[in-house]
Amino acid sequence: MSKLFRLFLFCVVLWGMSYFVAFLFFTDEGFSASGDQIAVIPVQGMITLDGGSSLLSSSTSGMAIVEKIKQANEDDSVKGIVLEINSPGGTVMGSKVVVDELKTVDKPVVAVITESGTSGAYWVASQADYIVADQLSIVGSISVLGSYLEYGGLLEDYNVSYQRLVTGQYKDISTPYREMTPEEEALIMERLQGIHDYFVADVAVGRHMDVEEVNALADGLFYLGQDSIQLGLVDYIGDKDYAIELTKELAGVSDGSVSEYKDELGFFGTFFQQYLSYSSYYIGVGIGKVLFSTETPEFQIRV
């Protein structure tokens, strides 16, 4: 038997084993029930466009949430959708793609804010037909945050100079190696305000409020669930079960089943996720990336 054939056979066996392991470790829950269903779609953690995790943080994928919403909306057995939200918000586009997808849904949608539904996560919730929250849920924080690191002064203390070579006046507008000029700050704020206005307008439409009403609440402050009803940010005080029953009522479903649209790990999958994924890479390369990265810190915009 030639070495090439043995290598080919090994690859085929390895490929087959990978499918077996994936089937054993990972089960996708939420797409197999029969009869009338209420889909429960989680919106958990920081929302970014593609999701992912690093040594010190993790995020959920806005695109993955979009796919779940799309699948639930296209499934005739799904009569309504519950968004189970526990998120502080996230990136502009990570939140916006979810908001845009919700605008296409032609079934009842109820958002339930468990612990937190602020900023971009509240933007998502605002597109539901109704919002449910606990008395002590954290709600609101309608605003936009722009931030970047600046350590030009530190460089000066160590007699390190920043040599600026750009072909466009504003190419290094958010470089950490020098202080931003008042003109540059004004330009950045102008763009942040544009995102803010878009955010506020979307919330106003979703919540059936005047833009002026939302603007009055759009100062970045968060509110408790029990205070949010009077402000127009929340419709009902309740929990996930309450939200499910409300969705059934809106959908005209008396005894529908609940489908959790999330990826469930099997026993071994849970083990591998919790232990092996934080082994050599995160301990070695991960720490190095976080502490010793030579990449220029980017200007961050969050909602």
Protein backbone atom coordinates (compact mmCIF):
# COMPACT_ATOMS: atom_id res chain seq x y z
CA MET A 1 0.00 0.00 0.00
CA SER A 2 1.54 3.30 -1.08
CA LYS A 3 2.14 6.15 1.35
CA LEU A 4 -0.13 8.39 -0.72
CA PHE A 5 -3.02 5.93 -0.47
CA ARG A 6 -2.50 5.52 3.28
CA LEU A 7 -2.55 9.29 3.66
CA PHE A 8 -5.76 9.50 1.62
CA LEU A 9 -7.36 6.74 3.72
CA PHE A 10 -6.32 8.49 6.91
CA CYS A 11 -7.92 11.75 5.74
CA VAL A 12 -11.17 9.96 4.85
CA VAL A 13 -11.30 8.26 8.27
CA LEU A 14 -10.50 11.55 10.01
CA TRP A 15 -13.24 13.32 8.05
CA GLY A 16 -15.76 10.63 9.00
CA MET A 17 -14.75 10.78 12.65
CA SER A 18 -15.18 14.55 12.68
CA TYR A 19 -18.81 14.17 11.59
CA PHE A 20 -19.39 11.52 14.24
CA VAL A 21 -17.85 13.69 16.95
CA ALA A 22 -19.89 16.71 15.86
CA PHE A 23 -23.08 14.63 15.98
CA LEU A 24 -22.15 13.22 19.40
CA PHE A 25 -21.07 16.46 21.04
CA PHE A 26 -23.39 19.04 19.55
CA THR A 27 -27.15 18.98 19.18
CA ASP A 28 -29.10 21.85 17.70
CA GLU A 29 -32.22 22.38 19.75
CA GLY A 30 -35.24 24.28 18.57
CA PHE A 31 -35.93 23.11 15.07
CA SER A 32 -37.50 19.67 15.56
CA ALA A 33 -40.76 20.07 17.45
CA SER A 34 -44.07 19.47 15.69
CA GLY A 35 -47.38 21.31 15.96
CA ASP A 36 -47.80 24.99 16.84
CA GLN A 37 -44.64 26.41 18.35
CA ILE A 38 -43.37 29.52 20.06
CA ALA A 39 -39.72 30.11 19.23
CA VAL A 40 -37.49 31.44 22.01
CA ILE A 41 -34.38 33.09 20.61
CA PRO A 42 -31.62 34.16 23.04
CA VAL A 43 -29.83 37.49 22.76
CA GLN A 44 -27.10 37.07 25.33
CA GLY A 45 -23.93 39.04 26.02
CA MET A 46 -22.20 41.66 23.91
CA ILE A 47 -23.67 41.77 20.41
CA THR A 48 -21.14 41.93 17.59
CA LEU A 49 -21.57 41.22 13.91
CA ASP A 50 -19.80 37.85 13.90
CA GLY A 51 -19.52 37.02 17.61
CA GLY A 52 -16.48 35.25 19.01
CA SER A 53 -14.45 35.25 22.18
CA SER A 54 -11.04 36.17 23.49
CA LEU A 55 -9.20 35.71 26.74
CA LEU A 56 -11.04 38.48 28.55
CA SER A 57 -14.37 38.76 26.77
CA SER A 58 -16.94 36.98 24.67
CA SER A 59 -19.73 38.12 22.40
CA THR A 60 -22.75 36.81 20.57
CA SER A 61 -23.11 36.95 16.80
CA GLY A 62 -25.73 39.31 15.42
CA MET A 63 -25.69 37.31 12.19
CA ALA A 64 -26.38 34.08 14.09
CA ILE A 65 -29.38 35.74 15.76
CA VAL A 66 -30.57 36.93 12.35
CA GLU A 67 -30.45 33.37 11.00
CA LYS A 68 -32.52 32.10 13.92
CA ILE A 69 -35.10 34.86 13.45
CA LYS A 70 -35.24 34.15 9.73
CA GLN A 71 -35.68 30.42 10.28
CA ALA A 72 -38.43 30.95 12.84
CA ASN A 73 -40.23 33.43 10.59
CA GLU A 74 -40.14 31.04 7.63
CA ASP A 75 -41.31 28.04 9.67
CA ASP A 76 -45.10 27.75 9.34
CA SER A 77 -45.32 25.80 12.60
CA VAL A 78 -43.81 28.75 14.52
CA LYS A 79 -46.64 31.11 15.43
CA GLY A 80 -44.70 33.66 17.46
CA ILE A 81 -41.22 34.62 18.63
CA VAL A 82 -39.88 35.46 22.08
CA LEU A 83 -36.55 37.29 22.27
CA GLU A 84 -34.89 36.35 25.56
CA ILE A 85 -32.56 39.29 26.17
CA ASN A 86 -29.73 39.63 28.64
CA SER A 87 -27.26 41.97 26.97
CA PRO A 88 -25.56 45.33 27.55
CA GLY A 89 -25.64 46.11 23.82
CA GLY A 90 -22.73 45.91 21.44
CA THR A 91 -21.43 47.20 18.14
CA VAL A 92 -23.55 49.34 15.86
CA MET A 93 -23.75 46.84 13.00
CA GLY A 94 -24.04 43.83 15.28
CA SER A 95 -27.21 45.32 16.74
CA LYS A 96 -28.51 46.87 13.52
CA VAL A 97 -28.59 43.64 11.52
CA VAL A 98 -30.84 42.09 14.17
CA VAL A 99 -33.07 45.18 14.22
CA ASP A 100 -33.37 45.13 10.43
CA GLU A 101 -34.31 41.45 10.40
CA LEU A 102 -36.99 41.95 13.06
CA LYS A 103 -38.64 44.54 10.81
CA THR A 104 -39.33 41.78 8.28
CA VAL A 105 -41.04 39.41 10.72
CA ASP A 106 -44.76 38.94 10.12
CA LYS A 107 -45.50 37.07 13.35
CA PRO A 108 -46.01 38.30 16.92
CA VAL A 109 -42.71 39.12 18.63
CA VAL A 110 -42.31 39.67 22.36
CA ALA A 111 -39.01 40.68 23.97
CA VAL A 112 -38.32 39.70 27.56
CA ILE A 113 -35.49 41.50 29.31
CA THR A 114 -34.18 39.29 32.09
CA GLU A 115 -31.21 40.94 33.76
CA SER A 116 -30.19 43.62 31.29
CA GLY A 117 -31.44 45.00 28.01
CA THR A 118 -29.59 48.23 27.40
CA SER A 119 -28.27 50.29 24.51
CA GLY A 120 -28.02 48.09 21.38
CA ALA A 121 -29.93 45.30 23.12
CA TYR A 122 -32.75 47.72 23.91
CA TRP A 123 -32.65 48.82 20.26
CA VAL A 124 -33.33 45.17 19.39
CA ALA A 125 -36.08 44.87 22.02
CA SER A 126 -37.79 48.03 20.79
CA GLN A 127 -38.68 46.32 17.52
CA ALA A 128 -40.82 43.70 19.28
CA ASP A 129 -44.58 44.12 19.55
CA TYR A 130 -44.29 44.16 23.35
CA ILE A 131 -41.49 44.28 25.90
CA VAL A 132 -41.63 42.38 29.19
CA ALA A 133 -39.13 42.97 32.01
CA ASP A 134 -38.63 42.19 35.68
CA GLN A 135 -39.10 44.97 38.23
CA LEU A 136 -35.33 45.15 38.67
CA SER A 137 -34.23 44.54 35.10
CA ILE A 138 -31.82 47.13 33.71
CA VAL A 139 -33.44 48.85 30.73
CA GLY A 140 -32.66 51.71 28.36
CA SER A 141 -29.28 53.46 28.18
CA ILE A 142 -30.21 54.79 24.75
CA SER A 143 -27.00 56.41 23.55
CA VAL A 144 -23.81 55.91 21.56
CA LEU A 145 -20.30 55.56 22.97
CA GLY A 146 -17.12 56.29 21.07
CA SER A 147 -13.78 55.60 22.71
CA TYR A 148 -10.10 55.14 22.00
CA LEU A 149 -6.83 54.96 23.90
CA GLU A 150 -4.54 57.99 23.86
CA TYR A 151 -1.08 57.88 25.38
CA GLY A 152 0.73 60.68 23.60
CA GLY A 153 1.60 62.24 26.94
CA LEU A 154 3.19 59.00 28.10
CA LEU A 155 5.33 58.87 24.98
CA GLU A 156 6.52 62.42 25.65
CA ASP A 157 7.48 61.46 29.20
CA TYR A 158 9.80 58.82 27.75
CA ASN A 159 11.07 61.09 24.97
CA VAL A 160 9.38 59.02 22.25
CA SER A 161 8.09 61.00 19.29
CA TYR A 162 5.28 60.19 16.85
CA GLN A 163 6.33 60.74 13.25
CA ARG A 164 3.17 61.56 11.27
CA LEU A 165 3.16 60.73 7.54
CA VAL A 166 -0.32 60.75 6.03
CA THR A 167 -1.78 61.53 2.61
CA GLY A 168 -5.14 62.50 4.07
CA GLN A 169 -5.59 65.10 6.79
CA TYR A 170 -7.75 62.88 8.99
CA LYS A 171 -6.17 59.48 8.28
CA ASP A 172 -4.84 59.15 11.84
CA ILE A 173 -7.77 60.87 13.52
CA SER A 174 -8.00 58.23 16.26
CA THR A 175 -4.35 57.30 16.64
CA PRO A 176 -3.37 56.71 20.27
CA TYR A 177 0.00 58.37 19.72
CA ARG A 178 -1.23 61.96 19.89
CA GLU A 179 -4.04 63.97 21.40
CA MET A 180 -7.08 64.56 19.21
CA THR A 181 -7.57 68.16 18.11
CA PRO A 182 -10.81 70.04 18.91
CA GLU A 183 -11.69 69.97 15.21
CA GLU A 184 -11.23 66.19 15.08
CA GLU A 185 -13.32 65.71 18.22
CA ALA A 186 -16.10 67.76 16.61
CA LEU A 187 -15.97 65.62 13.47
CA ILE A 188 -16.15 62.40 15.49
CA MET A 189 -19.03 63.74 17.59
CA GLU A 190 -20.90 64.71 14.43
CA ARG A 191 -20.77 61.10 13.26
CA LEU A 192 -21.66 59.70 16.66
CA GLN A 193 -24.65 62.03 16.72
CA GLY A 194 -25.74 60.68 13.34
CA ILE A 195 -25.74 57.14 14.73
CA HIS A 196 -27.54 58.39 17.84
CA ASP A 197 -30.30 60.03 15.79
CA TYR A 198 -30.78 56.87 13.72
CA PHE A 199 -30.95 54.79 16.91
CA VAL A 200 -33.50 57.14 18.50
CA ALA A 201 -35.67 57.24 15.37
CA ASP A 202 -35.78 53.43 15.23
CA VAL A 203 -36.75 53.17 18.88
CA ALA A 204 -39.44 55.82 18.41
CA VAL A 205 -41.03 53.87 15.55
CA GLY A 206 -40.76 50.55 17.33
CA ARG A 207 -42.22 51.88 20.58
CA HIS A 208 -44.85 54.09 18.91
CA MET A 209 -43.41 57.16 20.60
CA ASP A 210 -42.52 60.61 19.36
CA VAL A 211 -38.85 61.18 18.59
CA GLU A 212 -38.88 63.98 21.16
CA GLU A 213 -40.11 61.56 23.83
CA VAL A 214 -37.30 59.12 23.11
CA ASN A 215 -34.73 61.90 22.89
CA ALA A 216 -35.70 62.99 26.38
CA LEU A 217 -34.69 59.51 27.59
CA ALA A 218 -31.66 59.14 25.31
CA ASP A 219 -28.99 60.45 27.64
CA GLY A 220 -27.31 57.12 28.37
CA LEU A 221 -29.05 56.61 31.70
CA PHE A 222 -30.53 53.20 32.46
CA TYR A 223 -33.82 52.59 34.23
CA LEU A 224 -35.26 49.82 36.35
CA GLY A 225 -37.99 47.72 34.82
CA GLN A 226 -40.52 48.93 37.36
CA ASP A 227 -39.94 52.54 36.30
CA SER A 228 -39.76 51.80 32.59
CA ILE A 229 -43.48 51.18 32.09
CA GLN A 230 -44.41 54.76 32.93
CA LEU A 231 -41.62 55.99 30.65
CA GLY A 232 -42.93 53.94 27.75
CA LEU A 233 -39.85 51.72 27.50
CA VAL A 234 -41.54 48.54 28.76
CA ASP A 235 -45.10 47.22 28.46
CA TYR A 236 -45.41 44.57 31.16
CA ILE A 237 -43.68 43.36 34.31
CA GLY A 238 -43.06 39.64 34.09
CA ASP A 239 -40.63 36.84 33.31
CA LYS A 240 -39.89 34.50 30.42
CA ASP A 241 -42.97 32.37 31.09
CA TYR A 242 -45.14 35.48 31.06
CA ALA A 243 -43.61 36.51 27.73
CA ILE A 244 -44.29 33.07 26.26
CA GLU A 245 -47.92 33.12 27.38
CA LEU A 246 -48.33 36.65 26.00
CA THR A 247 -46.91 35.52 22.66
CA LYS A 248 -49.31 32.57 22.56
CA GLU A 249 -52.20 34.92 23.21
CA LEU A 250 -51.09 37.28 20.43
CA ALA A 251 -50.66 34.35 18.05
CA GLY A 252 -53.98 32.75 18.96
CA VAL A 253 -52.25 29.59 20.17
CA SER A 254 -53.86 27.84 23.11
CA ASP A 255 -51.46 24.97 23.69
CA GLY A 256 -48.34 25.42 21.60
CA SER A 257 -44.95 23.96 22.45
CA VAL A 258 -41.85 26.03 23.14
CA SER A 259 -38.78 25.68 20.94
CA GLU A 260 -35.51 27.01 22.31
CA TYR A 261 -33.56 28.26 19.30
CA LYS A 262 -30.08 27.81 20.68
CA ASP A 263 -27.18 25.46 20.19
CA GLU A 264 -27.11 22.96 23.02
CA LEU A 265 -23.90 21.15 23.80
CA GLY A 266 -23.97 17.50 24.76
CA PHE A 267 -22.15 16.27 27.87
CA PHE A 268 -18.81 15.88 26.12
CA GLY A 269 -19.32 19.08 24.19
CA THR A 270 -19.84 20.99 27.42
CA PHE A 271 -16.66 19.47 28.82
CA PHE A 272 -14.64 20.44 25.78
CA GLN A 273 -16.07 23.95 25.68
CA GLN A 274 -15.52 24.70 29.36
CA TYR A 275 -12.12 23.12 29.81
CA LEU A 276 -10.26 22.41 26.61
CA SER A 277 -11.10 25.66 24.84
CA TYR A 278 -9.34 27.60 27.58
CA SER A 279 -6.19 25.50 27.57
CA SER A 280 -2.98 26.17 25.71
CA TYR A 281 -4.23 28.78 23.22
CA TYR A 282 -5.92 31.08 25.71
CA ILE A 283 -3.26 30.62 28.35
CA GLY A 284 -0.35 31.14 25.97
CA VAL A 285 -1.23 32.91 22.74
CA GLY A 286 -4.28 34.60 24.28
CA ILE A 287 -2.34 36.30 27.05
CA GLY A 288 0.32 37.34 24.58
CA LYS A 289 -2.27 38.85 22.26
CA VAL A 290 -3.98 40.79 25.03
CA LEU A 291 -0.86 42.05 26.76
CA PHE A 292 1.71 42.40 24.01
CA SER A 293 -0.21 43.09 20.82
CA THR A 294 1.54 45.50 18.46
CA GLU A 295 -1.68 46.34 16.64
CA THR A 296 -2.85 49.95 16.87
CA PRO A 297 -5.93 50.14 19.14
CA GLU A 298 -8.95 50.99 17.04
CA PHE A 299 -11.59 53.63 17.64
CA GLN A 300 -14.50 51.80 19.25
CA ILE A 301 -18.15 52.69 18.74
CA ARG A 302 -20.73 50.95 20.92
CA VAL A 303 -24.49 51.13 21.30
